[in-house]
C-alpha atoms as a PDB file:
ATOM      1  CA  UNK A   1      19.836   2.466 -56.019  1.00  0.00           C
ATOM      2  CA  UNK A   2      21.818   1.393 -58.996  1.00  0.00           C
ATOM      3  CA  UNK A   3      20.851  -1.614 -60.997  1.00  0.00           C
ATOM      4  CA  UNK A   4      23.412  -4.190 -61.951  1.00  0.00           C
ATOM      5  CA  UNK A   5      22.535  -6.248 -64.957  1.00  0.00           C
ATOM      6  CA  UNK A   6      24.887  -9.015 -64.137  1.00  0.00           C
ATOM      7  CA  UNK A   7      28.288  -9.569 -65.520  1.00  0.00           C
ATOM      8  CA  UNK A   8      27.673  -9.610 -69.220  1.00  0.00           C
ATOM      9  CA  UNK A   9      28.719 -13.268 -69.016  1.00  0.00           C
ATOM     10  CA  UNK A  10      25.257 -14.753 -68.875  1.00  0.00           C
ATOM     11  CA  UNK A  11      24.678 -17.839 -66.784  1.00  0.00           C
ATOM     12  CA  UNK A  12      23.762 -20.856 -68.888  1.00  0.00           C
ATOM     13  CA  UNK A  13      20.196 -21.229 -67.615  1.00  0.00           C
ATOM     14  CA  UNK A  14      16.954 -22.390 -69.134  1.00  0.00           C
ATOM     15  CA  UNK A  15      14.823 -19.306 -69.848  1.00  0.00           C
ATOM     16  CA  UNK A  16      17.191 -16.763 -68.274  1.00  0.00           C
ATOM     17  CA  UNK A  17      20.187 -15.158 -69.913  1.00  0.00           C
ATOM     18  CA  UNK A  18      21.227 -12.853 -67.069  1.00  0.00           C
ATOM     19  CA  UNK A  19      20.197 -11.409 -63.726  1.00  0.00           C
ATOM     20  CA  UNK A  20      19.374  -8.002 -62.268  1.00  0.00           C
ATOM     21  CA  UNK A  21      20.276  -6.922 -58.772  1.00  0.00           C
ATOM     22  CA  UNK A  22      19.514  -3.583 -57.115  1.00  0.00           C
ATOM     23  CA  UNK A  23      22.469  -2.359 -55.064  1.00  0.00           C
ATOM     24  CA  UNK A  24      22.525   1.067 -53.325  1.00  0.00           C
ATOM     25  CA  UNK A  25      24.666   3.672 -55.100  1.00  0.00           C
ATOM     26  CA  UNK A  26      26.917   3.983 -52.060  1.00  0.00           C
ATOM     27  CA  UNK A  27      28.275   0.512 -52.807  1.00  0.00           C
ATOM     28  CA  UNK A  28      31.337   0.619 -55.080  1.00  0.00           C
ATOM     29  CA  UNK A  29      31.138  -1.983 -57.882  1.00  0.00           C
ATOM     30  CA  UNK A  30      34.187  -3.901 -59.078  1.00  0.00           C
ATOM     31  CA  UNK A  31      33.599  -5.901 -62.266  1.00  0.00           C
ATOM     32  CA  UNK A  32      35.654  -9.069 -61.799  1.00  0.00           C
ATOM     33  CA  UNK A  33      35.001 -10.125 -65.395  1.00  0.00           C
ATOM     34  CA  UNK A  34      37.210  -7.296 -66.683  1.00  0.00           C
ATOM     35  CA  UNK A  35      41.010  -7.264 -66.645  1.00  0.00           C
ATOM     36  CA  UNK A  36      40.968  -3.884 -64.905  1.00  0.00           C
ATOM     37  CA  UNK A  37      39.404  -5.193 -61.670  1.00  0.00           C
ATOM     38  CA  UNK A  38      42.649  -4.776 -59.663  1.00  0.00           C
ATOM     39  CA  UNK A  39      42.845  -1.134 -60.711  1.00  0.00           C
ATOM     40  CA  UNK A  40      39.170  -0.618 -59.760  1.00  0.00           C
ATOM     41  CA  UNK A  41      39.814  -2.185 -56.356  1.00  0.00           C
ATOM     42  CA  UNK A  42      42.938  -0.082 -55.819  1.00  0.00           C
ATOM     43  CA  UNK A  43      40.935   3.051 -56.698  1.00  0.00           C
ATOM     44  CA  UNK A  44      38.349   2.156 -54.052  1.00  0.00           C
ATOM     45  CA  UNK A  45      41.002   1.641 -51.364  1.00  0.00           C
ATOM     46  CA  UNK A  46      42.791   4.883 -52.255  1.00  0.00           C
ATOM     47  CA  UNK A  47      39.529   6.887 -52.235  1.00  0.00           C
ATOM     48  CA  UNK A  48      38.680   5.560 -48.784  1.00  0.00           C
ATOM     49  CA  UNK A  49      42.061   6.650 -47.411  1.00  0.00           C
ATOM     50  CA  UNK A  50      42.095  10.072 -49.161  1.00  0.00           C
ATOM     51  CA  UNK A  51      41.883  12.991 -46.745  1.00  0.00           C
ATOM     52  CA  UNK A  52      41.720  10.775 -43.681  1.00  0.00           C
ATOM     53  CA  UNK A  53      44.298   9.943 -41.076  1.00  0.00           C
ATOM     54  CA  UNK A  54      44.551   6.325 -42.238  1.00  0.00           C
ATOM     55  CA  UNK A  55      47.894   4.645 -41.543  1.00  0.00           C
ATOM     56  CA  UNK A  56      49.624   3.378 -44.692  1.00  0.00           C
ATOM     57  CA  UNK A  57      49.936  -0.090 -43.144  1.00  0.00           C
ATOM     58  CA  UNK A  58      46.166  -0.298 -42.646  1.00  0.00           C
ATOM     59  CA  UNK A  59      45.579   0.789 -46.253  1.00  0.00           C
ATOM     60  CA  UNK A  60      47.995  -1.916 -47.479  1.00  0.00           C
ATOM     61  CA  UNK A  61      46.296  -4.527 -45.290  1.00  0.00           C
ATOM     62  CA  UNK A  62      42.816  -3.577 -46.537  1.00  0.00           C
ATOM     63  CA  UNK A  63      44.082  -3.670 -50.142  1.00  0.00           C
ATOM     64  CA  UNK A  64      45.678  -7.103 -49.629  1.00  0.00           C
ATOM     65  CA  UNK A  65      42.583  -8.525 -47.909  1.00  0.00           C
ATOM     66  CA  UNK A  66      40.207  -7.258 -50.596  1.00  0.00           C
ATOM     67  CA  UNK A  67      42.520  -8.398 -53.416  1.00  0.00           C
ATOM     68  CA  UNK A  68      42.810 -11.861 -51.850  1.00  0.00           C
ATOM     69  CA  UNK A  69      39.024 -12.034 -51.420  1.00  0.00           C
ATOM     70  CA  UNK A  70      38.502 -11.091 -55.075  1.00  0.00           C
ATOM     71  CA  UNK A  71      41.110 -13.590 -56.304  1.00  0.00           C
ATOM     72  CA  UNK A  72      39.640 -16.413 -54.189  1.00  0.00           C
ATOM     73  CA  UNK A  73      36.176 -15.463 -55.423  1.00  0.00           C
ATOM     74  CA  UNK A  74      37.315 -15.496 -59.043  1.00  0.00           C
ATOM     75  CA  UNK A  75      38.633 -19.023 -58.560  1.00  0.00           C
ATOM     76  CA  UNK A  76      35.095 -19.984 -57.447  1.00  0.00           C
ATOM     77  CA  UNK A  77      33.143 -18.216 -60.202  1.00  0.00           C
ATOM     78  CA  UNK A  78      32.826 -14.660 -58.824  1.00  0.00           C
ATOM     79  CA  UNK A  79      31.667 -12.034 -61.309  1.00  0.00           C
ATOM     80  CA  UNK A  80      31.044  -8.884 -59.253  1.00  0.00           C
ATOM     81  CA  UNK A  81      32.387  -7.457 -55.991  1.00  0.00           C
ATOM     82  CA  UNK A  82      30.552  -4.606 -54.216  1.00  0.00           C
ATOM     83  CA  UNK A  83      32.096  -2.615 -51.349  1.00  0.00           C
ATOM     84  CA  UNK A  84      30.575  -0.250 -48.772  1.00  0.00           C
ATOM     85  CA  UNK A  85      32.724   1.731 -46.376  1.00  0.00           C
ATOM     86  CA  UNK A  86      31.237   1.746 -42.889  1.00  0.00           C
ATOM     87  CA  UNK A  87      34.047   3.303 -40.880  1.00  0.00           C
ATOM     88  CA  UNK A  88      35.959   6.539 -41.151  1.00  0.00           C
ATOM     89  CA  UNK A  89      39.211   4.954 -40.027  1.00  0.00           C
ATOM     90  CA  UNK A  90      39.815   3.000 -43.236  1.00  0.00           C
ATOM     91  CA  UNK A  91      38.893  -0.442 -41.879  1.00  0.00           C
ATOM     92  CA  UNK A  92      37.461  -3.316 -43.896  1.00  0.00           C
ATOM     93  CA  UNK A  93      34.290  -2.412 -45.791  1.00  0.00           C
ATOM     94  CA  UNK A  94      31.085  -4.386 -45.943  1.00  0.00           C
ATOM     95  CA  UNK A  95      31.022  -6.387 -49.158  1.00  0.00           C
ATOM     96  CA  UNK A  96      28.941  -8.422 -51.555  1.00  0.00           C
ATOM     97  CA  UNK A  97      30.523 -11.009 -53.826  1.00  0.00           C
ATOM     98  CA  UNK A  98      28.273 -12.326 -56.636  1.00  0.00           C
ATOM     99  CA  UNK A  99      29.313 -15.739 -57.975  1.00  0.00           C
ATOM    100  CA  UNK A 100      28.064 -18.347 -60.403  1.00  0.00           C
ATOM    101  CA  UNK A 101      28.268 -21.843 -58.980  1.00  0.00           C
ATOM    102  CA  UNK A 102      27.760 -24.340 -61.809  1.00  0.00           C
ATOM    103  CA  UNK A 103      26.373 -27.800 -61.096  1.00  0.00           C
ATOM    104  CA  UNK A 104      28.775 -30.537 -60.223  1.00  0.00           C
ATOM    105  CA  UNK A 105      30.464 -30.091 -56.880  1.00  0.00           C
ATOM    106  CA  UNK A 106      27.278 -29.380 -54.936  1.00  0.00           C
ATOM    107  CA  UNK A 107      23.847 -31.022 -54.693  1.00  0.00           C
ATOM    108  CA  UNK A 108      21.320 -29.559 -57.161  1.00  0.00           C
ATOM    109  CA  UNK A 109      18.405 -29.878 -54.712  1.00  0.00           C
ATOM    110  CA  UNK A 110      18.358 -26.908 -52.247  1.00  0.00           C
ATOM    111  CA  UNK A 111      17.365 -29.091 -49.274  1.00  0.00           C
ATOM    112  CA  UNK A 112      20.207 -31.527 -50.022  1.00  0.00           C
ATOM    113  CA  UNK A 113      22.629 -28.603 -50.523  1.00  0.00           C
ATOM    114  CA  UNK A 114      21.598 -27.104 -47.159  1.00  0.00           C
ATOM    115  CA  UNK A 115      22.156 -30.476 -45.446  1.00  0.00           C
ATOM    116  CA  UNK A 116      25.535 -30.777 -47.226  1.00  0.00           C
ATOM    117  CA  UNK A 117      26.600 -27.337 -45.934  1.00  0.00           C
ATOM    118  CA  UNK A 118      25.307 -28.054 -42.431  1.00  0.00           C
ATOM    119  CA  UNK A 119      27.271 -31.313 -42.274  1.00  0.00           C
ATOM    120  CA  UNK A 120      30.471 -29.345 -42.970  1.00  0.00           C
ATOM    121  CA  UNK A 121      29.808 -26.609 -40.372  1.00  0.00           C
ATOM    122  CA  UNK A 122      32.275 -26.318 -37.517  1.00  0.00           C
ATOM    123  CA  UNK A 123      30.480 -25.915 -34.221  1.00  0.00           C
ATOM    124  CA  UNK A 124      27.219 -24.696 -35.741  1.00  0.00           C
ATOM    125  CA  UNK A 125      28.179 -21.014 -35.644  1.00  0.00           C
ATOM    126  CA  UNK A 126      26.127 -20.384 -38.788  1.00  0.00           C
ATOM    127  CA  UNK A 127      22.428 -21.019 -39.358  1.00  0.00           C
ATOM    128  CA  UNK A 128      21.629 -22.990 -42.508  1.00  0.00           C
ATOM    129  CA  UNK A 129      18.193 -23.273 -44.085  1.00  0.00           C
ATOM    130  CA  UNK A 130      16.183 -23.163 -47.300  1.00  0.00           C
ATOM    131  CA  UNK A 131      14.127 -20.048 -48.029  1.00  0.00           C
ATOM    132  CA  UNK A 132      12.016 -18.645 -50.836  1.00  0.00           C
ATOM    133  CA  UNK A 133      13.161 -15.353 -52.349  1.00  0.00           C
ATOM    134  CA  UNK A 134      11.488 -13.576 -55.287  1.00  0.00           C
ATOM    135  CA  UNK A 135      14.034 -15.152 -57.682  1.00  0.00           C
ATOM    136  CA  UNK A 136      13.269 -18.688 -56.432  1.00  0.00           C
ATOM    137  CA  UNK A 137      14.467 -21.201 -53.836  1.00  0.00           C
ATOM    138  CA  UNK A 138      17.683 -20.402 -51.999  1.00  0.00           C
ATOM    139  CA  UNK A 139      19.965 -21.904 -49.404  1.00  0.00           C
ATOM    140  CA  UNK A 140      20.521 -19.278 -46.695  1.00  0.00           C
ATOM    141  CA  UNK A 141      23.652 -19.456 -44.532  1.00  0.00           C
ATOM    142  CA  UNK A 142      23.827 -16.766 -41.821  1.00  0.00           C
ATOM    143  CA  UNK A 143      26.728 -16.160 -39.447  1.00  0.00           C
ATOM    144  CA  UNK A 144      27.752 -13.394 -37.041  1.00  0.00           C
ATOM    145  CA  UNK A 145      29.438 -11.336 -39.799  1.00  0.00           C
ATOM    146  CA  UNK A 146      28.212 -12.982 -43.004  1.00  0.00           C
ATOM    147  CA  UNK A 147      25.128 -13.895 -45.005  1.00  0.00           C
ATOM    148  CA  UNK A 148      25.288 -16.205 -48.028  1.00  0.00           C
ATOM    149  CA  UNK A 149      22.335 -16.873 -50.291  1.00  0.00           C
ATOM    150  CA  UNK A 150      22.731 -19.613 -52.884  1.00  0.00           C
ATOM    151  CA  UNK A 151      19.817 -18.979 -55.263  1.00  0.00           C
ATOM    152  CA  UNK A 152      18.838 -21.833 -57.582  1.00  0.00           C
ATOM    153  CA  UNK A 153      19.339 -20.841 -61.220  1.00  0.00           C
ATOM    154  CA  UNK A 154      16.317 -21.208 -63.496  1.00  0.00           C
ATOM    155  CA  UNK A 155      16.251 -24.748 -64.794  1.00  0.00           C
ATOM    156  CA  UNK A 156      18.170 -25.966 -61.732  1.00  0.00           C
ATOM    157  CA  UNK A 157      21.511 -25.647 -63.504  1.00  0.00           C
ATOM    158  CA  UNK A 158      23.483 -24.405 -60.497  1.00  0.00           C
ATOM    159  CA  UNK A 159      23.363 -21.501 -58.070  1.00  0.00           C
ATOM    160  CA  UNK A 160      23.923 -17.763 -58.145  1.00  0.00           C
ATOM    161  CA  UNK A 161      25.607 -17.014 -54.832  1.00  0.00           C
ATOM    162  CA  UNK A 162      25.303 -13.680 -53.040  1.00  0.00           C
ATOM    163  CA  UNK A 163      27.959 -13.574 -50.304  1.00  0.00           C
ATOM    164  CA  UNK A 164      27.589 -10.612 -47.960  1.00  0.00           C
ATOM    165  CA  UNK A 165      30.202  -9.771 -45.337  1.00  0.00           C
ATOM    166  CA  UNK A 166      30.122  -7.084 -42.644  1.00  0.00           C
ATOM    167  CA  UNK A 167      33.269  -7.595 -40.537  1.00  0.00           C
ATOM    168  CA  UNK A 168      32.982  -4.292 -38.665  1.00  0.00           C
ATOM    169  CA  UNK A 169      29.274  -3.995 -37.813  1.00  0.00           C
ATOM    170  CA  UNK A 170      28.250  -7.648 -37.988  1.00  0.00           C
ATOM    171  CA  UNK A 171      25.312  -9.215 -39.781  1.00  0.00           C
ATOM    172  CA  UNK A 172      22.358  -8.061 -37.697  1.00  0.00           C
ATOM    173  CA  UNK A 173      19.866  -5.206 -37.452  1.00  0.00           C
ATOM    174  CA  UNK A 174      19.974  -2.643 -40.269  1.00  0.00           C
ATOM    175  CA  UNK A 175      22.898  -4.348 -42.074  1.00  0.00           C
ATOM    176  CA  UNK A 176      21.064  -7.686 -42.184  1.00  0.00           C
ATOM    177  CA  UNK A 177      17.885  -5.991 -43.431  1.00  0.00           C
ATOM    178  CA  UNK A 178      19.866  -4.125 -46.118  1.00  0.00           C
ATOM    179  CA  UNK A 179      21.545  -7.323 -47.332  1.00  0.00           C
ATOM    180  CA  UNK A 180      18.233  -9.191 -47.377  1.00  0.00           C
ATOM    181  CA  UNK A 181      16.644  -6.328 -49.356  1.00  0.00           C
ATOM    182  CA  UNK A 182      19.452  -6.448 -51.921  1.00  0.00           C
ATOM    183  CA  UNK A 183      19.060 -10.228 -52.193  1.00  0.00           C
ATOM    184  CA  UNK A 184      15.284  -9.786 -52.485  1.00  0.00           C
ATOM    185  CA  UNK A 185      15.798  -7.540 -55.528  1.00  0.00           C
ATOM    186  CA  UNK A 186      17.398 -10.356 -57.554  1.00  0.00           C
ATOM    187  CA  UNK A 187      15.486 -11.026 -60.769  1.00  0.00           C
ATOM    188  CA  UNK A 188      16.190 -13.217 -63.782  1.00  0.00           C
ATOM    189  CA  UNK A 189      16.327 -11.623 -67.236  1.00  0.00           C
ATOM    190  CA  UNK A 190      15.021 -13.601 -70.185  1.00  0.00           C
END
């Protein structure tokens, strides 16, 4: 496992200046806080297509989808983007997007935040609840292909969001356990 020590852009939290997260080495890290993130993402996509019979159109579609995901994440405070290839045909990888959600647009209390998310759910396809993880209280939102954990920052000054996605294999069994283990490794650095 490789250890990520956050983004270098420390969250403004009482008592914590950064975070640590253990992510398996097989996951490719894209640092969204650096200007070179597009080049890093392009390198990942090209490496996944190298030596395989991957149609150029599929490679372009994967690149566009991942780029759009990163750009949308950046607009919402994303700092890191991890990718894990699960298929040999060049399809969409599993991913983890790490974001800082400052206070303001969401309730500071995890129970109130969970109720806020649940009220906005369409058809109840995702399970919403509050859980305890080693780093503190978190709002857990689980769907068929996704798992989001909004972990309360020390001092209650917002949330660090871990957004996992597994569009090919779904969020169950070994993939769910892997994502929960990664989330369970989150620690605050003082």
